[in-house]
């Protein structure tokens, strides 16, 4: 399981969703923030992406793997 989240640094994320696949988590964040292909590629590669708060409404988005 993967958790996609976005928000402001140092705060509880204001967007959190659980996904069965990494690709689904990337797609959810890319769609939510209307990321460009380059931004989506960077998120897919690094699992975290700094965002422009004024453009995207969040300062970052990231994907973490849930360990059970």
N, C-alpha and C. Protein backbone atom coordinates (compact mmCIF):
# COMPACT_ATOMS: atom_id res chain seq x y z
N UNK A 1 0.84 -1.18 0.00
CA UNK A 1 0.00 0.00 0.00
C UNK A 1 0.89 1.24 0.00
N UNK A 2 0.37 2.26 -0.66
CA UNK A 2 1.09 3.52 -0.76
C UNK A 2 0.17 4.65 -0.31
N UNK A 3 0.74 5.61 0.38
CA UNK A 3 0.00 6.76 0.86
C UNK A 3 0.47 7.99 0.11
N UNK A 4 -0.47 8.64 -0.57
CA UNK A 4 -0.19 9.89 -1.27
C UNK A 4 -0.65 11.02 -0.37
N UNK A 5 0.21 12.02 -0.18
CA UNK A 5 -0.17 13.13 0.67
C UNK A 5 0.40 14.44 0.16
N UNK A 6 -0.24 15.52 0.57
CA UNK A 6 0.20 16.85 0.16
C UNK A 6 -0.18 17.84 1.26
N UNK A 7 0.56 18.93 1.32
CA UNK A 7 0.25 19.93 2.33
C UNK A 7 1.36 20.95 2.47
N UNK A 8 1.51 21.43 3.71
CA UNK A 8 2.51 22.42 4.05
C UNK A 8 3.55 21.78 4.97
N UNK A 9 4.82 22.11 4.81
CA UNK A 9 5.86 21.54 5.67
C UNK A 9 5.58 21.85 7.15
N UNK A 10 5.79 20.86 8.00
CA UNK A 10 5.62 21.03 9.43
C UNK A 10 4.18 20.95 9.91
N UNK A 11 3.26 20.67 8.99
CA UNK A 11 1.84 20.57 9.35
C UNK A 11 1.32 19.19 8.98
N UNK A 12 0.21 18.81 9.58
CA UNK A 12 -0.46 17.58 9.18
C UNK A 12 -0.89 17.75 7.73
N UNK A 13 -0.63 16.77 6.87
CA UNK A 13 -1.02 16.91 5.46
C UNK A 13 -2.53 17.18 5.33
N UNK A 14 -2.89 18.05 4.38
CA UNK A 14 -4.32 18.34 4.20
C UNK A 14 -4.94 17.44 3.13
N UNK A 15 -4.14 16.61 2.50
CA UNK A 15 -4.63 15.64 1.52
C UNK A 15 -3.91 14.33 1.77
N UNK A 16 -4.65 13.26 2.05
CA UNK A 16 -4.07 11.94 2.29
C UNK A 16 -4.99 10.89 1.68
N UNK A 17 -4.44 10.03 0.82
CA UNK A 17 -5.21 8.92 0.26
C UNK A 17 -4.33 7.68 0.23
N UNK A 18 -4.98 6.53 0.30
CA UNK A 18 -4.28 5.24 0.27
C UNK A 18 -4.51 4.59 -1.10
N UNK A 19 -3.44 3.99 -1.64
CA UNK A 19 -3.50 3.38 -2.97
C UNK A 19 -2.86 2.00 -2.95
N UNK A 20 -3.38 1.11 -3.78
CA UNK A 20 -2.82 -0.24 -3.88
C UNK A 20 -1.52 -0.28 -4.65
N UNK A 21 -1.33 0.67 -5.58
CA UNK A 21 -0.11 0.67 -6.40
C UNK A 21 0.57 2.04 -6.34
N UNK A 22 1.85 2.02 -6.61
CA UNK A 22 2.63 3.26 -6.65
C UNK A 22 2.14 4.14 -7.79
N UNK A 23 1.86 3.52 -8.94
CA UNK A 23 1.40 4.26 -10.12
C UNK A 23 0.08 4.99 -9.83
N UNK A 24 -0.80 4.36 -9.09
CA UNK A 24 -2.07 4.98 -8.73
C UNK A 24 -1.86 6.19 -7.82
N UNK A 25 -0.93 6.10 -6.91
CA UNK A 25 -0.63 7.21 -6.01
C UNK A 25 -0.05 8.39 -6.79
N UNK A 26 0.86 8.10 -7.72
CA UNK A 26 1.44 9.15 -8.56
C UNK A 26 0.34 9.83 -9.37
N UNK A 27 -0.52 9.04 -9.98
CA UNK A 27 -1.60 9.57 -10.82
C UNK A 27 -2.54 10.45 -10.00
N UNK A 28 -2.86 10.03 -8.79
CA UNK A 28 -3.75 10.82 -7.93
C UNK A 28 -3.17 12.20 -7.64
N UNK A 29 -1.89 12.25 -7.29
CA UNK A 29 -1.26 13.53 -6.99
C UNK A 29 -1.09 14.38 -8.25
N UNK A 30 -0.75 13.73 -9.36
CA UNK A 30 -0.58 14.45 -10.62
C UNK A 30 -1.90 15.09 -11.06
N UNK A 31 -2.98 14.35 -10.89
CA UNK A 31 -4.30 14.87 -11.27
C UNK A 31 -4.75 15.99 -10.33
N UNK A 32 -4.59 15.77 -9.03
CA UNK A 32 -5.00 16.76 -8.03
C UNK A 32 -4.32 18.10 -8.27
N UNK A 33 -3.02 18.07 -8.55
CA UNK A 33 -2.24 19.30 -8.68
C UNK A 33 -2.02 19.73 -10.13
N UNK A 34 -2.63 19.01 -11.07
CA UNK A 34 -2.47 19.31 -12.49
C UNK A 34 -0.99 19.47 -12.85
N UNK A 35 -0.21 18.45 -12.48
CA UNK A 35 1.23 18.47 -12.72
C UNK A 35 1.54 18.31 -14.21
N UNK A 36 2.64 18.92 -14.63
CA UNK A 36 3.12 18.72 -15.98
C UNK A 36 3.73 17.33 -16.09
N UNK A 37 4.01 16.89 -17.30
CA UNK A 37 4.66 15.58 -17.48
C UNK A 37 6.01 15.55 -16.78
N UNK A 38 6.75 16.65 -16.86
CA UNK A 38 8.07 16.71 -16.21
C UNK A 38 7.94 16.63 -14.69
N UNK A 39 6.97 17.33 -14.13
CA UNK A 39 6.75 17.28 -12.68
C UNK A 39 6.32 15.88 -12.26
N UNK A 40 5.44 15.26 -13.04
CA UNK A 40 4.98 13.91 -12.74
C UNK A 40 6.15 12.92 -12.78
N UNK A 41 7.02 13.08 -13.77
CA UNK A 41 8.19 12.22 -13.89
C UNK A 41 9.10 12.38 -12.67
N UNK A 42 9.29 13.61 -12.23
CA UNK A 42 10.13 13.88 -11.05
C UNK A 42 9.51 13.26 -9.79
N UNK A 43 8.19 13.40 -9.63
CA UNK A 43 7.51 12.79 -8.49
C UNK A 43 7.65 11.29 -8.53
N UNK A 44 7.46 10.69 -9.69
CA UNK A 44 7.58 9.23 -9.84
C UNK A 44 8.99 8.76 -9.45
N UNK A 45 9.98 9.55 -9.81
CA UNK A 45 11.38 9.18 -9.57
C UNK A 45 11.79 9.38 -8.10
N UNK A 46 11.38 10.49 -7.50
CA UNK A 46 11.89 10.87 -6.18
C UNK A 46 10.91 10.66 -5.02
N UNK A 47 9.63 10.43 -5.35
CA UNK A 47 8.56 10.24 -4.36
C UNK A 47 8.17 11.51 -3.63
N UNK A 48 8.81 12.63 -3.90
CA UNK A 48 8.44 13.90 -3.27
C UNK A 48 8.68 15.02 -4.28
N UNK A 49 7.82 16.03 -4.21
CA UNK A 49 7.93 17.14 -5.15
C UNK A 49 7.55 18.42 -4.44
N UNK A 50 8.42 19.43 -4.54
CA UNK A 50 8.08 20.76 -4.02
C UNK A 50 7.13 21.41 -5.01
N UNK A 51 6.09 22.04 -4.47
CA UNK A 51 5.09 22.68 -5.31
C UNK A 51 5.06 24.18 -5.03
N UNK A 52 4.50 24.94 -5.96
CA UNK A 52 4.27 26.37 -5.76
C UNK A 52 2.92 26.50 -5.04
N UNK A 53 2.95 27.01 -3.84
CA UNK A 53 1.74 27.11 -3.02
C UNK A 53 0.65 27.91 -3.73
N UNK A 54 1.01 28.98 -4.39
CA UNK A 54 0.00 29.82 -5.06
C UNK A 54 -0.61 29.12 -6.27
N UNK A 55 0.16 28.32 -6.97
CA UNK A 55 -0.33 27.64 -8.16
C UNK A 55 -1.06 26.35 -7.80
N UNK A 56 -0.45 25.54 -6.93
CA UNK A 56 -0.96 24.20 -6.64
C UNK A 56 -1.81 24.10 -5.38
N UNK A 57 -1.74 25.09 -4.51
CA UNK A 57 -2.51 25.05 -3.28
C UNK A 57 -1.85 24.26 -2.16
N UNK A 58 -0.72 23.67 -2.44
CA UNK A 58 0.09 22.94 -1.45
C UNK A 58 1.55 23.25 -1.70
N UNK A 59 2.39 23.08 -0.68
CA UNK A 59 3.81 23.36 -0.82
C UNK A 59 4.61 22.13 -1.22
N UNK A 60 4.03 20.94 -0.99
CA UNK A 60 4.73 19.70 -1.36
C UNK A 60 3.71 18.60 -1.57
N UNK A 61 4.13 17.57 -2.27
CA UNK A 61 3.37 16.32 -2.31
C UNK A 61 4.40 15.19 -2.25
N UNK A 62 3.97 14.08 -1.67
CA UNK A 62 4.89 12.95 -1.55
C UNK A 62 4.13 11.64 -1.46
N UNK A 63 4.85 10.57 -1.68
CA UNK A 63 4.29 9.22 -1.61
C UNK A 63 5.17 8.41 -0.67
N UNK A 64 4.53 7.76 0.29
CA UNK A 64 5.26 6.88 1.20
C UNK A 64 4.66 5.48 1.12
N UNK A 65 5.49 4.49 1.38
CA UNK A 65 5.02 3.11 1.37
C UNK A 65 4.59 2.74 2.78
N UNK A 66 3.40 2.21 2.89
CA UNK A 66 2.87 1.78 4.19
C UNK A 66 3.47 0.43 4.53
N UNK A 67 4.10 0.35 5.69
CA UNK A 67 4.70 -0.90 6.14
C UNK A 67 3.76 -1.53 7.15
N UNK A 68 3.41 -2.76 6.92
CA UNK A 68 2.47 -3.44 7.81
C UNK A 68 3.17 -4.42 8.71
